[in-house]
PDB file of N, CA and C in Angstrom:
ATOM      1  N   MET A   1     -10.979   6.913  47.191  1.00  0.00           N
ATOM      2  CA  MET A   1     -10.236   7.370  45.995  1.00  0.00           C
ATOM      3  C   MET A   1     -10.796   8.678  45.538  1.00  0.00           C
ATOM      4  N   SER A   2      -9.740   9.857  45.463  1.00  0.00           N
ATOM      5  CA  SER A   2      -9.979  10.838  44.962  1.00  0.00           C
ATOM      6  C   SER A   2     -10.492  10.899  43.468  1.00  0.00           C
ATOM      7  N   ILE A   3     -10.818  12.062  43.196  1.00  0.00           N
ATOM      8  CA  ILE A   3     -11.216  12.200  41.723  1.00  0.00           C
ATOM      9  C   ILE A   3     -10.193  12.298  40.689  1.00  0.00           C
ATOM     10  N   ASN A   4      -8.766  12.577  40.890  1.00  0.00           N
ATOM     11  CA  ASN A   4      -7.573  12.517  40.541  1.00  0.00           C
ATOM     12  C   ASN A   4      -7.277  10.852  39.920  1.00  0.00           C
ATOM     13  N   ALA A   5      -7.217  10.333  40.879  1.00  0.00           N
ATOM     14  CA  ALA A   5      -6.618   9.159  40.995  1.00  0.00           C
ATOM     15  C   ALA A   5      -7.930   8.122  40.222  1.00  0.00           C
ATOM     16  N   LEU A   6      -8.845   8.601  40.358  1.00  0.00           N
ATOM     17  CA  LEU A   6     -10.046   7.751  39.446  1.00  0.00           C
ATOM     18  C   LEU A   6      -9.874   8.250  37.957  1.00  0.00           C
ATOM     19  N   LEU A   7      -9.574   9.491  37.554  1.00  0.00           N
ATOM     20  CA  LEU A   7      -9.442   9.810  36.486  1.00  0.00           C
ATOM     21  C   LEU A   7      -8.266   9.516  36.011  1.00  0.00           C
ATOM     22  N   SER A   8      -7.062   9.404  36.382  1.00  0.00           N
ATOM     23  CA  SER A   8      -5.884   8.867  36.348  1.00  0.00           C
ATOM     24  C   SER A   8      -5.697   7.406  36.060  1.00  0.00           C
ATOM     25  N   THR A   9      -6.513   6.492  36.788  1.00  0.00           N
ATOM     26  CA  THR A   9      -6.789   5.322  36.537  1.00  0.00           C
ATOM     27  C   THR A   9      -7.445   5.075  35.078  1.00  0.00           C
ATOM     28  N   VAL A  10      -8.608   5.755  35.183  1.00  0.00           N
ATOM     29  CA  VAL A  10      -9.376   5.535  33.701  1.00  0.00           C
ATOM     30  C   VAL A  10      -8.485   6.062  32.415  1.00  0.00           C
ATOM     31  N   ILE A  11      -7.513   6.946  32.234  1.00  0.00           N
ATOM     32  CA  ILE A  11      -6.673   7.245  31.526  1.00  0.00           C
ATOM     33  C   ILE A  11      -5.660   6.258  31.202  1.00  0.00           C
ATOM     34  N   LEU A  12      -5.368   5.948  32.296  1.00  0.00           N
ATOM     35  CA  LEU A  12      -4.160   4.587  31.921  1.00  0.00           C
ATOM     36  C   LEU A  12      -4.597   3.354  31.525  1.00  0.00           C
ATOM     37  N   VAL A  13      -5.982   2.953  31.824  1.00  0.00           N
ATOM     38  CA  VAL A  13      -6.771   1.927  31.294  1.00  0.00           C
ATOM     39  C   VAL A  13      -7.067   1.916  29.815  1.00  0.00           C
ATOM     40  N   SER A  14      -7.784   3.311  29.451  1.00  0.00           N
ATOM     41  CA  SER A  14      -7.667   3.502  28.042  1.00  0.00           C
ATOM     42  C   SER A  14      -6.577   3.242  27.224  1.00  0.00           C
ATOM     43  N   PHE A  15      -5.687   3.917  27.985  1.00  0.00           N
ATOM     44  CA  PHE A  15      -4.389   3.719  26.947  1.00  0.00           C
ATOM     45  C   PHE A  15      -3.990   2.489  26.779  1.00  0.00           C
ATOM     46  N   ILE A  16      -3.854   1.572  27.645  1.00  0.00           N
ATOM     47  CA  ILE A  16      -3.358   0.452  27.520  1.00  0.00           C
ATOM     48  C   ILE A  16      -4.408  -0.714  26.966  1.00  0.00           C
ATOM     49  N   VAL A  17      -5.870  -0.464  26.822  1.00  0.00           N
ATOM     50  CA  VAL A  17      -6.751  -1.051  25.968  1.00  0.00           C
ATOM     51  C   VAL A  17      -6.346  -0.713  24.628  1.00  0.00           C
ATOM     52  N   THR A  18      -5.892   0.674  24.230  1.00  0.00           N
ATOM     53  CA  THR A  18      -5.775   0.980  22.852  1.00  0.00           C
ATOM     54  C   THR A  18      -4.990   0.270  22.254  1.00  0.00           C
ATOM     55  N   LEU A  19      -3.413   0.130  23.249  1.00  0.00           N
ATOM     56  CA  LEU A  19      -2.392  -0.499  22.726  1.00  0.00           C
ATOM     57  C   LEU A  19      -2.751  -1.874  22.115  1.00  0.00           C
ATOM     58  N   VAL A  20      -3.488  -2.538  23.293  1.00  0.00           N
ATOM     59  CA  VAL A  20      -3.729  -4.188  23.061  1.00  0.00           C
ATOM     60  C   VAL A  20      -4.140  -4.084  21.495  1.00  0.00           C
ATOM     61  N   LEU A  21      -5.649  -3.111  21.507  1.00  0.00           N
ATOM     62  CA  LEU A  21      -6.345  -3.108  20.193  1.00  0.00           C
ATOM     63  C   LEU A  21      -5.309  -3.121  18.954  1.00  0.00           C
ATOM     64  N   ALA A  22      -4.418  -2.017  19.140  1.00  0.00           N
ATOM     65  CA  ALA A  22      -3.571  -1.784  17.898  1.00  0.00           C
ATOM     66  C   ALA A  22      -3.002  -2.900  17.932  1.00  0.00           C
ATOM     67  N   VAL A  23      -2.256  -3.805  18.607  1.00  0.00           N
ATOM     68  CA  VAL A  23      -1.520  -4.815  18.351  1.00  0.00           C
ATOM     69  C   VAL A  23      -2.124  -5.956  17.731  1.00  0.00           C
ATOM     70  N   GLY A  24      -3.569  -6.465  18.075  1.00  0.00           N
ATOM     71  CA  GLY A  24      -4.052  -7.422  17.805  1.00  0.00           C
ATOM     72  C   GLY A  24      -4.702  -7.165  16.538  1.00  0.00           C
ATOM     73  N   SER A  25      -5.140  -5.792  15.930  1.00  0.00           N
ATOM     74  CA  SER A  25      -5.234  -5.404  14.666  1.00  0.00           C
ATOM     75  C   SER A  25      -4.279  -5.735  13.648  1.00  0.00           C
ATOM     76  N   TYR A  26      -3.213  -5.188  14.182  1.00  0.00           N
ATOM     77  CA  TYR A  26      -1.689  -5.352  13.274  1.00  0.00           C
ATOM     78  C   TYR A  26      -1.437  -6.979  13.309  1.00  0.00           C
ATOM     79  N   LEU A  27      -1.500  -7.811  14.139  1.00  0.00           N
ATOM     80  CA  LEU A  27      -1.402  -9.076  14.145  1.00  0.00           C
ATOM     81  C   LEU A  27      -2.632  -9.718  12.994  1.00  0.00           C
ATOM     82  N   ALA A  28      -4.017  -9.359  13.309  1.00  0.00           N
ATOM     83  CA  ALA A  28      -4.976  -9.913  12.268  1.00  0.00           C
ATOM     84  C   ALA A  28      -4.875  -9.362  10.862  1.00  0.00           C
ATOM     85  N   TYR A  29      -4.162  -8.168  10.539  1.00  0.00           N
ATOM     86  CA  TYR A  29      -3.801  -7.836   9.048  1.00  0.00           C
ATOM     87  C   TYR A  29      -2.691  -8.614   8.664  1.00  0.00           C
ATOM     88  N   LYS A  30      -1.720  -8.966   9.392  1.00  0.00           N
ATOM     89  CA  LYS A  30      -0.510  -9.780   8.959  1.00  0.00           C
ATOM     90  C   LYS A  30      -0.944 -11.135   8.513  1.00  0.00           C
ATOM     91  N   MET A  31      -1.757 -11.860   9.608  1.00  0.00           N
ATOM     92  CA  MET A  31      -2.546 -13.271   9.452  1.00  0.00           C
ATOM     93  C   MET A  31      -3.239 -13.106   8.129  1.00  0.00           C
ATOM     94  N   ARG A  32      -3.818 -12.396   7.556  1.00  0.00           N
ATOM     95  CA  ARG A  32      -4.807 -11.962   6.441  1.00  0.00           C
ATOM     96  C   ARG A  32      -4.155 -11.894   5.478  1.00  0.00           C
ATOM     97  N   GLU A  33      -3.027 -11.317   5.661  1.00  0.00           N
ATOM     98  CA  GLU A  33      -2.001 -10.902   4.320  1.00  0.00           C
ATOM     99  C   GLU A  33      -1.272 -12.304   4.026  1.00  0.00           C
ATOM    100  N   LYS A  34      -0.788 -13.333   5.046  1.00  0.00           N
ATOM    101  CA  LYS A  34      -0.498 -14.285   4.523  1.00  0.00           C
ATOM    102  C   LYS A  34      -1.350 -15.535   3.912  1.00  0.00           C
ATOM    103  N   ARG A  35      -2.616 -15.237   4.216  1.00  0.00           N
ATOM    104  CA  ARG A  35      -3.523 -16.089   3.834  1.00  0.00           C
ATOM    105  C   ARG A  35      -3.948 -15.932   1.972  1.00  0.00           C
ATOM    106  N   ARG A  36      -3.757 -14.971   1.563  1.00  0.00           N
ATOM    107  CA  ARG A  36      -4.162 -14.232   0.481  1.00  0.00           C
ATOM    108  C   ARG A  36      -3.494 -15.100  -0.698  1.00  0.00           C
ATOM    109  N   PRO A  37      -4.265 -15.492  -1.251  1.00  0.00           N
ATOM    110  CA  PRO A  37      -3.658 -16.605  -2.508  1.00  0.00           C
ATOM    111  C   PRO A  37      -2.685 -15.213  -3.472  1.00  0.00           C
ATOM    112  N   ALA A  38      -2.009 -16.348  -4.079  1.00  0.00           N
ATOM    113  CA  ALA A  38      -0.943 -15.966  -5.142  1.00  0.00           C
ATOM    114  C   ALA A  38      -1.714 -15.238  -6.544  1.00  0.00           C
ATOM    115  N   PRO A  39      -1.335 -14.241  -7.023  1.00  0.00           N
ATOM    116  CA  PRO A  39      -1.884 -13.810  -8.271  1.00  0.00           C
ATOM    117  C   PRO A  39      -2.018 -14.952  -9.029  1.00  0.00           C
ATOM    118  N   LEU A  40      -3.128 -14.665 -10.130  1.00  0.00           N
ATOM    119  CA  LEU A  40      -3.350 -15.995 -10.898  1.00  0.00           C
ATOM    120  C   LEU A  40      -2.193 -15.955 -12.527  1.00  0.00           C
ATOM    121  N   ARG A  41      -2.285 -14.516 -12.749  1.00  0.00           N
ATOM    122  CA  ARG A  41      -1.215 -14.711 -14.121  1.00  0.00           C
ATOM    123  C   ARG A  41      -0.909 -13.259 -14.033  1.00  0.00           C
ATOM    124  N   GLY A  42       0.205 -12.738 -14.861  1.00  0.00           N
ATOM    125  CA  GLY A  42       1.023 -11.588 -14.532  1.00  0.00           C
ATOM    126  C   GLY A  42       2.837 -12.305 -14.169  1.00  0.00           C
ATOM    127  N   ASP A  43       3.541 -11.388 -14.616  1.00  0.00           N
ATOM    128  CA  ASP A  43       5.252 -11.677 -14.003  1.00  0.00           C
ATOM    129  C   ASP A  43       5.059 -11.501 -12.410  1.00  0.00           C
ATOM    130  N   ALA A  44       6.445 -11.942 -12.148  1.00  0.00           N
ATOM    131  CA  ALA A  44       6.553 -11.620 -10.724  1.00  0.00           C
ATOM    132  C   ALA A  44       6.860 -10.138 -10.301  1.00  0.00           C
ATOM    133  N   ALA A  45       7.044  -9.606 -10.931  1.00  0.00           N
ATOM    134  CA  ALA A  45       7.338  -8.222 -10.839  1.00  0.00           C
ATOM    135  C   ALA A  45       6.318  -7.297 -10.871  1.00  0.00           C
ATOM    136  N   GLY A  46       5.259  -7.771 -10.787  1.00  0.00           N
ATOM    137  CA  GLY A  46       3.921  -6.997 -11.010  1.00  0.00           C
ATOM    138  C   GLY A  46       3.648  -6.208 -12.357  1.00  0.00           C
ATOM    139  N   GLY A  47       3.805  -7.081 -13.402  1.00  0.00           N
ATOM    140  CA  GLY A  47       3.429  -6.345 -14.874  1.00  0.00           C
ATOM    141  C   GLY A  47       2.050  -6.583 -15.108  1.00  0.00           C
ATOM    142  N   PRO A  48       1.605  -5.918 -16.389  1.00  0.00           N
ATOM    143  CA  PRO A  48       0.406  -6.188 -16.566  1.00  0.00           C
ATOM    144  C   PRO A  48      -0.133  -7.708 -16.724  1.00  0.00           C
ATOM    145  N   MET A  49      -1.631  -7.575 -16.207  1.00  0.00           N
ATOM    146  CA  MET A  49      -1.828  -9.010 -16.005  1.00  0.00           C
ATOM    147  C   MET A  49      -2.872  -9.540 -17.401  1.00  0.00           C
ATOM    148  N   PHE A  50      -3.325  -8.583 -18.332  1.00  0.00           N
ATOM    149  CA  PHE A  50      -4.252  -8.931 -19.297  1.00  0.00           C
ATOM    150  C   PHE A  50      -3.674  -8.204 -20.488  1.00  0.00           C
ATOM    151  N   PHE A  51      -2.683  -7.386 -20.547  1.00  0.00           N
ATOM    152  CA  PHE A  51      -2.309  -6.890 -21.756  1.00  0.00           C
ATOM    153  C   PHE A  51      -0.645  -7.000 -21.966  1.00  0.00           C
ATOM    154  N   GLU A  52      -0.159  -7.287 -23.355  1.00  0.00           N
ATOM    155  CA  GLU A  52       1.086  -7.631 -23.648  1.00  0.00           C
ATOM    156  C   GLU A  52       1.783  -6.037 -23.899  1.00  0.00           C
ATOM    157  N   ARG A  53       2.960  -5.418 -23.409  1.00  0.00           N
ATOM    158  CA  ARG A  53       3.310  -4.540 -23.653  1.00  0.00           C
ATOM    159  C   ARG A  53       4.149  -4.624 -25.278  1.00  0.00           C
ATOM    160  N   VAL A  54       4.001  -3.592 -25.791  1.00  0.00           N
ATOM    161  CA  VAL A  54       4.379  -3.526 -27.540  1.00  0.00           C
ATOM    162  C   VAL A  54       5.237  -2.064 -27.379  1.00  0.00           C
ATOM    163  N   TYR A  55       6.734  -2.831 -28.008  1.00  0.00           N
ATOM    164  CA  TYR A  55       7.685  -1.504 -28.084  1.00  0.00           C
ATOM    165  C   TYR A  55       7.689  -1.483 -30.030  1.00  0.00           C
ATOM    166  N   PRO A  56       8.074  -0.013 -30.196  1.00  0.00           N
ATOM    167  CA  PRO A  56       8.202  -0.151 -31.453  1.00  0.00           C
ATOM    168  C   PRO A  56       9.447  -0.679 -32.123  1.00  0.00           C
ATOM    169  N   ALA A  57       9.661  -0.886 -33.187  1.00  0.00           N
ATOM    170  CA  ALA A  57      10.929  -1.373 -33.924  1.00  0.00           C
ATOM    171  C   ALA A  57      11.893  -0.562 -34.088  1.00  0.00           C
ATOM    172  N   GLY A  58      11.683   0.663 -33.918  1.00  0.00           N
ATOM    173  CA  GLY A  58      12.832   1.544 -34.281  1.00  0.00           C
ATOM    174  C   GLY A  58      12.839   2.940 -33.620  1.00  0.00           C
ATOM    175  N   PRO A  59      13.730   3.614 -33.791  1.00  0.00           N
ATOM    176  CA  PRO A  59      13.542   4.981 -33.296  1.00  0.00           C
ATOM    177  C   PRO A  59      12.501   5.817 -33.721  1.00  0.00           C
ATOM    178  N   ALA A  60      11.841   6.452 -33.148  1.00  0.00           N
ATOM    179  CA  ALA A  60      10.478   7.602 -33.729  1.00  0.00           C
ATOM    180  C   ALA A  60      11.054   8.146 -34.703  1.00  0.00           C
ATOM    181  N   ARG A  61      10.591   8.638 -35.785  1.00  0.00           N
ATOM    182  CA  ARG A  61      10.790   9.573 -36.840  1.00  0.00           C
ATOM    183  C   ARG A  61       9.936  10.623 -36.428  1.00  0.00           C
ATOM    184  N   ARG A  62      10.304  12.028 -36.456  1.00  0.00           N
ATOM    185  CA  ARG A  62       9.556  13.247 -36.353  1.00  0.00           C
ATOM    186  C   ARG A  62       9.289  13.826 -38.002  1.00  0.00           C
ATOM    187  N   ALA A  63       8.524  14.470 -38.209  1.00  0.00           N
ATOM    188  CA  ALA A  63       8.262  14.915 -39.006  1.00  0.00           C
ATOM    189  C   ALA A  63       8.890  16.361 -39.106  1.00  0.00           C
ATOM    190  N   PRO A  64       9.458  16.954 -40.670  1.00  0.00           N
ATOM    191  CA  PRO A  64      10.059  18.032 -40.253  1.00  0.00           C
ATOM    192  C   PRO A  64       9.097  19.292 -39.716  1.00  0.00           C
ATOM    193  N   ASP A  65       9.764  20.185 -38.904  1.00  0.00           N
ATOM    194  CA  ASP A  65       9.231  21.228 -38.322  1.00  0.00           C
ATOM    195  C   ASP A  65       9.564  22.470 -39.375  1.00  0.00           C
ATOM    196  N   ALA A  66       8.567  23.054 -39.965  1.00  0.00           N
ATOM    197  CA  ALA A  66       8.745  24.461 -40.756  1.00  0.00           C
ATOM    198  C   ALA A  66       9.609  25.506 -39.805  1.00  0.00           C
ATOM    199  N   SER A  67       9.207  25.508 -38.190  1.00  0.00           N
ATOM    200  CA  SER A  67       9.746  26.471 -37.632  1.00  0.00           C
ATOM    201  C   SER A  67      11.049  26.219 -36.955  1.00  0.00           C
ATOM    202  N   ALA A  68      11.599  24.899 -37.466  1.00  0.00           N
ATOM    203  CA  ALA A  68      12.868  24.521 -37.014  1.00  0.00           C
ATOM    204  C   ALA A  68      14.001  25.331 -37.486  1.00  0.00           C
ATOM    205  N   GLY A  69      13.948  25.844 -38.918  1.00  0.00           N
ATOM    206  CA  GLY A  69      14.891  26.218 -39.707  1.00  0.00           C
ATOM    207  C   GLY A  69      15.278  27.659 -39.026  1.00  0.00           C
ATOM    208  N   ASP A  70      14.440  28.501 -38.494  1.00  0.00           N
ATOM    209  CA  ASP A  70      14.387  29.674 -38.212  1.00  0.00           C
ATOM    210  C   ASP A  70      15.430  30.078 -37.275  1.00  0.00           C
TER     211      ASP A  70
END
């Protein structure tokens, strides 16, 4: 076997092993993601878990600006 054939085989095998490991890692990630428990609280849209959003009762009022009349 010549050195060219040997190096080509090494490169090909390393490429195939890399692909197999990448697919295996992706599958392990997806399996782990499915096992993750559901959040304990919070709304389904991903809202805040510990705080309640407060909205003002009416439109905000601005103080009169002295430079606005110029």
